[in-house]
Structure formats: structure tokens, C-alpha cells
Amino acid sequence: MCVHRYGCDLKVVRLLRERSHGNSVTQICQKMREQHQEKYLERAAQFMTVCKPFKALQPAGTFPPPLPPCPDLPRPQWLMAVYLRDVLDRVNDIKASLTSTFGCILKVDSTKKITRKLAGAAARSAQWATDVGNEYGQVLTCVLTTSEGGGLRDMARGLVRRYRDAGVEPPKVIYVDRDCCSQAVRKMFHGWNDIVVRLDIWHFMRRLARGCRTESHQLYGVFMARLSVCIFEWDPNDHAQLCRAKAAQLQLSTTEARRCLTRDELALHCRRRTRSTSEIIRLISHLIDSLTGDAGRDTLGLELFDTDVMNKIWADEKKHVRCLQDPDPATVSLYTETGSLVKGGVRLKTYRCGRGTVSLESFHRHLVTFIPGKYCVFF
């Protein structure tokens, strides 16, 4: 392979590192082409300005063309290849910065968003990308497999070995999107005998949402919001303190201030905990019954639930409600205090939640956007 074929200005490489929704490799190529054309026209105008007095002295004289033709720029695929080689050059530094990455709360989640972008010889060689993260939002490892859940034993053994070699205590909780009740996860992470396996609540809610006829139904959002209320409850002390701060800030009564609380304020200053298993089953059953039939029709007369499908799904998912329970707070804390701020003269603590696999879902969306272009080609 000729190295000089991929020689590129570092300024262009730095532009490729700044990944975002509107900053694709195709757009960067178009910007470079526009800048080159503007520079070409500027040089051509300078050349014609210099030739003008000579043309006046020799009216019959001829001059060569202003400049050589404007060269063609590389295609976006070439820029993508340059970017991938830049990442490979920095991969050792990236790995070195992650060698001390551990955590007591692990999350395992799989996605197809990344494997769909594989092209070239790697196309259709993998179906799932599985990531393992911790409560700090850091990604410990990522592997590509041909099936969800299959071929992950080597990954699990590597994580167990990493913790053992570093002398770090094993994690206390692991959140998964499947196989929460079976022994598959415990067998996969053999050596972590005391680990607690929990089902991610967002995936549990999405399973129940399959009983809805369509997500565009007018009551779909109401159902999902109430479903969350059926599972979680706010810490009473944190909620009462936030209400007092909001009342002092807006100069309202506590009851009126409670209606003014926003979702972001509650998530920032209040901790949540799961209700008991029997309470969750009772509330969800009541919610489904209250929105079944005529009570769940929209203005067009369409029912929210496919009753037979929803009843079957709920009958199957009841056994997983116990897998939603938060671990013992004396053993592991799901919330980390990140700071505090003053609101209405009351100092409120701010928290970051380590529950569930939401951070990995965000990482998946970011990774798909981070990969330049529509496809990822391996060399």
C-alpha cells in the first residue's frame, strides 16, 4: 500500500474529528471544493490584473492561460479512509486512557444501528453490536456478534479478568435488556457470584408498548407517562425540599409550586425508587384496564390497545416485574451526588442516576453519527 496516497493536511483531519449531525464527510468535501474554487478565481484575477498593463503596450500580444486547470479534489470516500487511519493511529492512546475504567454498576445493551453501516468485506459479517458501560457513562468494551446474546462469553471473560488483574472489587449490579430471569448472564460472567441481574425498565416499558396499535395514537404518550408512574415513585424528602425551594422562588404556596415543577427539575434534584412488586403489578393492571375498550379510543374511534395482544404480553411480562426492583441501597447506591445549587434560598443537591441502559442508548446514537458518511468501510 502506498502511504503517500493517503497524505492529507492535518487541518482537514481535524475537521473530520468534529463529528455532528450536520458535519458529514460529504459536507466537508463540498466546503473544501468551494474554498478551492474561490482561491482559484482569486489567483486568476490577480494574474489578469498583472497582465493588463502589458496588454495595453502590446495590443496584438498573446498571453498564456491564466492558471492551470483547477485540480479535482478527492472524493468523500477518500477522506473517510484518511479519517479511519487517523483513528487507528490514536487507538493506543484511547485504549490507554480506558485501562482504569471500572464501575460497580454495569449495563449491557445491543444494537443493530452500527452493523447496518458496515460495507465492503465486512458487510453482513455481524448482526449485533454489544456494549458494556458503567454508571459514569463510560464504555468498557464493545464487540460485534452474529446474534444477540451469542458469542459474548469471551467478552465476559475479558471483563472478569480485567477486574481480577486490577484488584478491583466485582460490580454489584448489572442491567440487561434480556435474559434477566435465566442463569445465562450469571454463567456468562462466571466468577462474579454475588452480582445482581436486573432488567432495564425502559426495555420493559417498550415491551408493553407493543400492545398498542400505533405510536401515533393520541393516548400513547399518556399511557407511557402513566406507566412510568406505576413503576417509580419520588423520594419524599427530596420532593418536599424541591417544592419548598420552588415555592420560595415563585412566592407561591407549596401546593401551587408542586404544579410548577418541571421534569428536568425533578430529574436533577430528586431521586426515584421502584415500587414494590405487588404494587407495580396492581397499578399496571389497573392502568391497562382503564384504557381498554371505549376509554382508550381517540377522536377517530381507534382503540389504543389490541386487547388480545396486550393481555398476552402483560401475562408474559408479569414475571419480570421482580427483575425491575432496585438493589438494596445499603449495598449499592444508584445515585451519585454531583453538586448543589441554591434555588429560592434553599440549597438543593444535584444527582446523576446510574440505573438502566439509557447511557448506552445515547452512546449508540452518537456512535452512528460519529462514523462519517452512510457506510463504514474496513481495510
Protein backbone atom coordinates (compact mmCIF):
# COMPACT_ATOMS: atom_id res chain seq x y z
CA MET A 1 0.00 0.00 0.00
CA CYS A 2 1.35 3.43 -0.92
CA VAL A 3 1.31 5.65 2.14
CA HIS A 4 1.58 8.83 0.07
CA ARG A 5 -1.83 8.09 -1.46
CA TYR A 6 -3.42 8.99 1.88
CA GLY A 7 -1.37 12.11 2.61
CA CYS A 8 -3.69 14.86 3.85
CA ASP A 9 -3.37 18.23 5.58
CA LEU A 10 -3.83 17.97 9.35
CA LYS A 11 -6.32 20.84 9.21
CA VAL A 12 -8.66 18.66 7.16
CA VAL A 13 -8.14 15.71 9.51
CA ARG A 14 -9.11 17.88 12.48
CA LEU A 15 -12.28 18.88 10.68
CA LEU A 16 -13.13 15.21 10.26
CA ARG A 17 -12.78 14.65 14.02
CA GLU A 18 -15.55 17.13 14.79
CA ARG A 19 -18.45 14.78 14.26
CA SER A 20 -22.02 16.04 14.49
CA HIS A 21 -25.37 15.67 12.72
CA GLY A 22 -24.63 18.41 10.19
CA ASN A 23 -20.90 17.80 9.82
CA SER A 24 -20.65 14.83 7.47
CA VAL A 25 -17.63 13.94 5.37
CA THR A 26 -19.61 14.84 2.23
CA GLN A 27 -20.30 18.33 3.54
CA ILE A 28 -16.61 18.81 4.42
CA CYS A 29 -15.67 17.77 0.88
CA GLN A 30 -18.14 20.30 -0.56
CA LYS A 31 -16.73 23.07 1.63
CA MET A 32 -13.19 22.23 0.54
CA ARG A 33 -14.24 22.29 -3.12
CA GLU A 34 -15.89 25.69 -2.65
CA GLN A 35 -12.80 27.13 -0.94
CA HIS A 36 -10.51 25.79 -3.67
CA GLN A 37 -12.65 27.32 -6.40
CA GLU A 38 -12.72 30.68 -4.62
CA LYS A 39 -8.93 30.60 -4.24
CA TYR A 40 -8.54 29.63 -7.91
CA LEU A 41 -10.67 32.56 -9.05
CA GLU A 42 -8.76 34.91 -6.76
CA ARG A 43 -5.42 33.85 -8.25
CA ALA A 44 -6.85 34.12 -11.78
CA ALA A 45 -7.99 37.69 -11.08
CA GLN A 46 -4.51 38.59 -9.77
CA PHE A 47 -2.91 37.15 -12.92
CA MET A 48 -5.22 39.14 -15.22
CA THR A 49 -4.52 42.31 -13.23
CA VAL A 50 -0.76 41.87 -13.77
CA CYS A 51 -1.25 41.17 -17.50
CA LYS A 52 -3.47 44.23 -18.10
CA PRO A 53 -0.69 46.89 -18.49
CA PHE A 54 1.31 44.58 -20.79
CA LYS A 55 -1.78 44.06 -22.92
CA ALA A 56 -2.10 47.84 -23.33
CA LEU A 57 1.51 48.11 -24.56
CA GLN A 58 1.21 45.16 -26.96
CA PRO A 59 -2.37 45.04 -28.27
CA ALA A 60 -1.52 42.18 -30.61
CA GLY A 61 0.31 40.18 -27.98
CA THR A 62 -0.99 36.90 -26.66
CA PHE A 63 -0.73 35.58 -23.11
CA PRO A 64 -0.88 32.04 -21.79
CA PRO A 65 -3.98 30.82 -19.96
CA PRO A 66 -4.37 32.40 -16.52
CA LEU A 67 -3.61 29.30 -14.49
CA PRO A 68 -3.50 25.54 -14.88
CA PRO A 69 -6.94 23.95 -14.65
CA CYS A 70 -8.33 23.68 -11.14
CA PRO A 71 -7.43 20.17 -9.94
CA ASP A 72 -10.12 17.77 -8.85
CA LEU A 73 -10.43 17.18 -5.13
CA PRO A 74 -10.57 13.71 -3.56
CA ARG A 75 -13.94 12.07 -3.18
CA PRO A 76 -15.64 11.70 0.22
CA GLN A 77 -14.68 8.02 0.31
CA TRP A 78 -11.01 9.00 0.21
CA LEU A 79 -11.48 11.44 3.09
CA MET A 80 -13.22 8.69 5.04
CA ALA A 81 -10.23 6.38 4.52
CA VAL A 82 -7.90 9.13 5.78
CA TYR A 83 -10.07 9.64 8.84
CA LEU A 84 -10.11 5.91 9.68
CA ARG A 85 -6.30 5.79 9.52
CA ASP A 86 -6.11 8.79 11.82
CA VAL A 87 -8.30 6.94 14.32
CA LEU A 88 -6.08 3.84 14.08
CA ASP A 89 -3.03 5.98 14.82
CA ARG A 90 -4.65 7.22 18.04
CA VAL A 91 -6.30 3.97 19.13
CA ASN A 92 -3.49 3.02 21.54
CA ASP A 93 -3.78 6.32 23.38
CA ILE A 94 -7.54 5.87 23.57
CA LYS A 95 -7.17 2.36 24.98
CA ALA A 96 -4.57 3.54 27.49
CA SER A 97 -6.99 6.14 28.83
CA LEU A 98 -9.59 3.41 29.36
CA THR A 99 -7.45 0.85 31.16
CA SER A 100 -8.55 2.21 34.55
CA THR A 101 -12.23 2.19 33.68
CA PHE A 102 -14.29 0.16 36.13
CA GLY A 103 -17.58 0.52 37.98
CA CYS A 104 -19.92 -1.17 40.42
CA ILE A 105 -22.96 -0.85 38.13
CA LEU A 106 -22.63 -2.34 34.65
CA LYS A 107 -25.05 -2.05 31.75
CA VAL A 108 -25.18 -4.40 28.74
CA ASP A 109 -27.07 -3.42 25.62
CA SER A 110 -27.08 -4.47 21.96
CA THR A 111 -27.95 -2.56 18.80
CA LYS A 112 -28.12 -3.04 15.03
CA LYS A 113 -27.57 0.62 14.20
CA ILE A 114 -23.80 0.22 13.87
CA THR A 115 -23.67 -3.09 11.99
CA ARG A 116 -26.04 -1.72 9.34
CA LYS A 117 -23.32 0.74 8.32
CA LEU A 118 -20.71 -1.93 7.63
CA ALA A 119 -19.63 -2.03 3.99
CA GLY A 120 -17.02 -3.74 1.89
CA ALA A 121 -15.70 -7.14 3.00
CA ALA A 122 -17.20 -6.63 6.49
CA ALA A 123 -20.75 -6.18 5.19
CA ARG A 124 -23.24 -8.63 6.76
CA SER A 125 -20.45 -10.26 8.77
CA ALA A 126 -22.10 -9.15 12.05
CA GLN A 127 -25.68 -8.52 13.10
CA TRP A 128 -25.36 -7.01 16.58
CA ALA A 129 -23.01 -4.61 18.36
CA THR A 130 -22.97 -5.20 22.13
CA ASP A 131 -21.59 -2.59 24.53
CA VAL A 132 -20.85 -2.71 28.24
CA GLY A 133 -20.89 0.56 30.20
CA ASN A 134 -20.73 1.67 33.81
CA GLU A 135 -22.62 4.14 35.99
CA TYR A 136 -20.36 7.03 34.90
CA GLY A 137 -21.38 6.78 31.26
CA GLN A 138 -18.04 5.20 30.25
CA VAL A 139 -17.98 2.33 27.76
CA LEU A 140 -15.81 -0.57 28.95
CA THR A 141 -15.91 -2.69 25.80
CA CYS A 142 -17.72 -3.17 22.50
CA VAL A 143 -17.94 -6.33 20.39
CA LEU A 144 -19.64 -7.34 17.15
CA THR A 145 -21.52 -10.66 17.06
CA THR A 146 -23.62 -12.60 14.58
CA SER A 147 -26.55 -12.98 17.02
CA GLU A 148 -27.86 -11.16 20.07
CA GLY A 149 -26.53 -12.78 23.23
CA GLY A 150 -24.41 -15.30 21.35
CA GLY A 151 -20.62 -15.19 21.23
CA LEU A 152 -20.33 -12.92 24.29
CA ARG A 153 -18.55 -15.37 26.58
CA ASP A 154 -15.10 -14.18 25.50
CA MET A 155 -16.13 -10.59 26.17
CA ALA A 156 -17.46 -11.52 29.61
CA ARG A 157 -14.31 -13.49 30.49
CA GLY A 158 -12.21 -10.50 29.44
CA LEU A 159 -14.13 -8.17 31.76
CA VAL A 160 -13.87 -10.59 34.67
CA ARG A 161 -10.14 -10.92 34.04
CA ARG A 162 -9.73 -7.14 33.83
CA TYR A 163 -11.32 -6.63 37.24
CA ARG A 164 -9.31 -9.50 38.77
CA ASP A 165 -5.95 -8.38 37.37
CA ALA A 166 -6.53 -4.80 38.57
CA GLY A 167 -7.52 -5.95 42.05
CA VAL A 168 -10.87 -4.16 41.81
CA GLU A 169 -13.97 -5.49 43.54
CA PRO A 170 -16.51 -7.05 41.14
CA PRO A 171 -19.56 -4.99 40.19
CA LYS A 172 -22.64 -5.31 42.37
CA VAL A 173 -25.40 -4.85 39.74
CA ILE A 174 -25.69 -5.48 36.02
CA TYR A 175 -28.58 -4.18 33.90
CA VAL A 176 -29.54 -6.16 30.81
CA ASP A 177 -32.18 -5.92 28.09
CA ARG A 178 -32.89 -9.66 28.02
CA ASP A 179 -32.27 -12.94 29.91
CA CYS A 180 -32.87 -11.26 33.27
CA CYS A 181 -34.57 -14.27 34.89
CA SER A 182 -32.44 -17.02 33.40
CA GLN A 183 -28.98 -18.05 34.58
CA ALA A 184 -27.42 -17.15 31.22
CA VAL A 185 -25.99 -13.84 32.42
CA ARG A 186 -24.59 -15.34 35.63
CA LYS A 187 -22.98 -18.18 33.71
CA MET A 188 -21.54 -15.75 31.18
CA PHE A 189 -19.91 -13.63 33.92
CA HIS A 190 -18.63 -16.67 35.80
CA GLY A 191 -16.63 -15.54 38.82
CA TRP A 192 -18.97 -12.75 39.84
CA ASN A 193 -21.16 -14.95 42.01
CA ASP A 194 -22.78 -12.16 44.06
CA ILE A 195 -23.77 -9.93 41.14
CA VAL A 196 -27.44 -8.87 40.96
CA VAL A 197 -29.05 -9.06 37.50
CA ARG A 198 -31.76 -6.51 36.76
CA LEU A 199 -33.91 -5.81 33.70
CA ASP A 200 -33.70 -2.35 32.17
CA ILE A 201 -37.01 -0.60 32.85
CA TRP A 202 -37.07 1.26 29.53
CA HIS A 203 -36.93 -2.04 27.63
CA PHE A 204 -39.68 -3.41 29.88
CA MET A 205 -41.89 -0.43 29.01
CA ARG A 206 -41.16 -0.87 25.31
CA ARG A 207 -42.29 -4.50 25.54
CA LEU A 208 -45.66 -3.40 26.94
CA ALA A 209 -45.88 -0.70 24.25
CA ARG A 210 -46.04 -3.45 21.62
CA GLY A 211 -49.64 -4.00 22.74
CA CYS A 212 -50.58 -0.56 21.40
CA ARG A 213 -51.99 -0.38 17.91
CA THR A 214 -49.85 2.60 16.89
CA GLU A 215 -47.48 5.07 18.48
CA SER A 216 -49.33 7.92 16.78
CA HIS A 217 -52.42 7.26 18.90
CA GLN A 218 -53.47 10.31 20.92
CA LEU A 219 -53.30 8.36 24.20
CA TYR A 220 -49.98 6.64 23.55
CA GLY A 221 -47.97 9.34 25.32
CA VAL A 222 -50.40 9.32 28.24
CA PHE A 223 -50.05 5.56 28.58
CA MET A 224 -46.23 5.65 28.58
CA ALA A 225 -46.14 8.51 31.13
CA ARG A 226 -48.54 6.76 33.48
CA LEU A 227 -46.65 3.51 33.02
CA SER A 228 -43.55 5.21 34.38
CA VAL A 229 -45.56 6.48 37.37
CA CYS A 230 -46.75 2.93 38.03
CA ILE A 231 -43.13 1.77 38.32
CA PHE A 232 -41.37 4.68 40.03
CA GLU A 233 -42.02 6.94 42.99
CA TRP A 234 -40.09 10.05 44.01
CA ASP A 235 -38.12 10.17 47.22
CA PRO A 236 -40.47 12.05 49.59
CA ASN A 237 -37.71 14.06 51.30
CA ASP A 238 -36.14 15.23 48.03
CA HIS A 239 -39.53 16.06 46.55
CA ALA A 240 -40.65 18.04 49.61
CA GLN A 241 -37.42 20.04 49.67
CA LEU A 242 -37.73 20.86 45.96
CA CYS A 243 -41.33 22.00 46.50
CA ARG A 244 -40.22 24.34 49.30
CA ALA A 245 -37.46 25.79 47.12
CA LYS A 246 -39.85 26.29 44.19
CA ALA A 247 -42.46 27.92 46.45
CA ALA A 248 -39.86 30.34 47.84
CA GLN A 249 -38.59 31.13 44.34
CA LEU A 250 -42.03 31.84 42.83
CA GLN A 251 -43.57 33.12 46.08
CA LEU A 252 -46.39 30.59 45.91
CA SER A 253 -47.84 28.05 48.28
CA THR A 254 -46.32 24.58 48.38
CA THR A 255 -49.39 23.09 46.67
CA GLU A 256 -49.25 25.60 43.83
CA ALA A 257 -45.48 25.25 43.47
CA ARG A 258 -45.83 21.48 43.11
CA ARG A 259 -47.80 22.04 39.89
CA CYS A 260 -44.97 24.22 38.51
CA LEU A 261 -42.24 21.62 38.87
CA THR A 262 -40.71 20.63 35.54
CA ARG A 263 -39.49 17.19 34.53
CA ASP A 264 -35.89 18.41 34.33
CA GLU A 265 -36.01 19.85 37.84
CA LEU A 266 -37.38 16.61 39.25
CA ALA A 267 -34.74 14.52 37.49
CA LEU A 268 -31.93 16.81 38.64
CA HIS A 269 -32.83 17.23 42.31
CA CYS A 270 -34.99 14.21 43.22
CA ARG A 271 -34.08 10.56 43.45
CA ARG A 272 -36.51 7.88 42.33
CA ARG A 273 -37.06 4.36 43.55
CA THR A 274 -39.09 1.45 42.28
CA ARG A 275 -42.32 0.48 43.96
CA SER A 276 -42.83 -2.98 45.40
CA THR A 277 -43.51 -5.87 43.01
CA SER A 278 -47.13 -6.32 44.07
CA GLU A 279 -47.78 -2.57 43.85
CA ILE A 280 -46.34 -2.34 40.32
CA ILE A 281 -48.45 -5.28 39.13
CA ARG A 282 -51.59 -3.80 40.68
CA LEU A 283 -51.04 -0.31 39.21
CA ILE A 284 -50.15 -1.54 35.72
CA SER A 285 -53.14 -3.88 35.65
CA HIS A 286 -55.40 -1.01 36.67
CA LEU A 287 -53.82 1.25 34.01
CA ILE A 288 -54.38 -1.30 31.24
CA ASP A 289 -57.98 -1.87 32.34
CA SER A 290 -58.66 1.89 32.48
CA LEU A 291 -57.51 2.38 28.87
CA THR A 292 -59.07 -0.74 27.37
CA GLY A 293 -62.15 -0.53 25.20
CA ASP A 294 -64.10 2.69 24.79
CA ALA A 295 -61.98 4.51 27.40
CA GLY A 296 -58.95 4.12 25.15
CA ARG A 297 -60.49 5.42 21.92
CA ASP A 298 -59.20 8.59 20.27
CA THR A 299 -61.25 11.18 18.39
CA LEU A 300 -61.29 8.89 15.32
CA GLY A 301 -62.67 5.98 17.34
CA LEU A 302 -59.46 3.91 17.23
CA GLU A 303 -58.72 1.91 20.37
CA LEU A 304 -55.32 2.30 22.00
CA PHE A 305 -54.74 -1.41 22.69
CA ASP A 306 -55.07 -4.53 20.65
CA THR A 307 -56.76 -6.22 23.62
CA ASP A 308 -55.74 -9.80 22.89
CA VAL A 309 -52.13 -8.85 22.19
CA MET A 310 -51.85 -6.61 25.25
CA ASN A 311 -53.34 -9.23 27.57
CA LYS A 312 -50.90 -11.84 26.28
CA ILE A 313 -47.91 -9.50 26.61
CA TRP A 314 -48.87 -8.44 30.13
CA ALA A 315 -49.39 -12.06 31.19
CA ASP A 316 -45.87 -12.88 29.95
CA GLU A 317 -44.21 -9.79 31.43
CA LYS A 318 -45.65 -10.07 34.94
CA LYS A 319 -42.92 -12.50 35.92
CA HIS A 320 -40.27 -9.90 35.01
CA VAL A 321 -41.61 -7.21 37.35
CA ARG A 322 -39.49 -8.55 40.20
CA CYS A 323 -36.44 -8.04 37.97
CA LEU A 324 -37.17 -4.29 37.91
CA GLN A 325 -36.62 -3.83 41.64
CA ASP A 326 -33.77 -1.57 42.72
CA PRO A 327 -30.94 -3.32 44.55
CA ASP A 328 -30.53 -2.92 48.27
CA PRO A 329 -29.49 0.73 48.88
CA ALA A 330 -27.24 -0.44 51.69
CA THR A 331 -25.24 -2.47 49.16
CA VAL A 332 -25.09 -0.10 46.19
CA SER A 333 -26.33 3.44 45.58
CA LEU A 334 -27.87 4.13 42.20
CA TYR A 335 -27.44 7.90 42.58
CA THR A 336 -24.24 9.91 42.70
CA GLU A 337 -24.24 13.41 44.17
CA THR A 338 -22.67 15.73 41.60
CA GLY A 339 -23.01 19.10 43.35
CA SER A 340 -25.58 21.54 44.63
CA LEU A 341 -27.26 24.83 43.74
CA VAL A 342 -29.36 27.40 45.54
CA LYS A 343 -32.95 27.96 44.48
CA GLY A 344 -35.26 30.28 46.40
CA GLY A 345 -32.76 30.46 49.25
CA VAL A 346 -32.79 26.66 49.64
CA ARG A 347 -29.70 24.62 48.78
CA LEU A 348 -30.63 21.61 46.63
CA LYS A 349 -28.38 18.67 45.82
CA THR A 350 -27.97 17.54 42.23
CA TYR A 351 -27.82 13.85 41.33
CA ARG A 352 -26.79 11.61 38.47
CA CYS A 353 -28.63 8.31 38.12
CA GLY A 354 -26.81 5.07 37.27
CA ARG A 355 -29.93 2.96 36.73
CA GLY A 356 -30.67 1.29 33.40
CA THR A 357 -29.06 1.34 29.96
CA VAL A 358 -30.12 4.82 28.83
CA SER A 359 -26.50 5.99 28.66
CA LEU A 360 -25.68 3.17 26.23
CA GLU A 361 -28.67 4.04 24.05
CA SER A 362 -27.31 7.58 23.81
CA PHE A 363 -23.85 6.21 23.01
CA HIS A 364 -25.28 4.12 20.17
CA ARG A 365 -26.92 7.16 18.58
CA HIS A 366 -23.72 9.16 18.98
CA LEU A 367 -21.56 6.40 17.51
CA VAL A 368 -23.75 6.09 14.41
CA THR A 369 -23.50 9.85 13.88
CA PHE A 370 -19.77 9.83 14.65
CA ILE A 371 -18.98 7.38 11.83
CA PRO A 372 -18.59 9.57 8.71
CA GLY A 373 -20.96 9.04 5.82
CA LYS A 374 -23.58 6.37 5.37
CA TYR A 375 -21.22 3.40 5.43
CA CYS A 376 -18.14 2.29 7.34
CA VAL A 377 -15.52 0.50 5.21
CA PHE A 378 -12.82 -1.67 6.81
CA PHE A 379 -9.46 -2.11 5.11
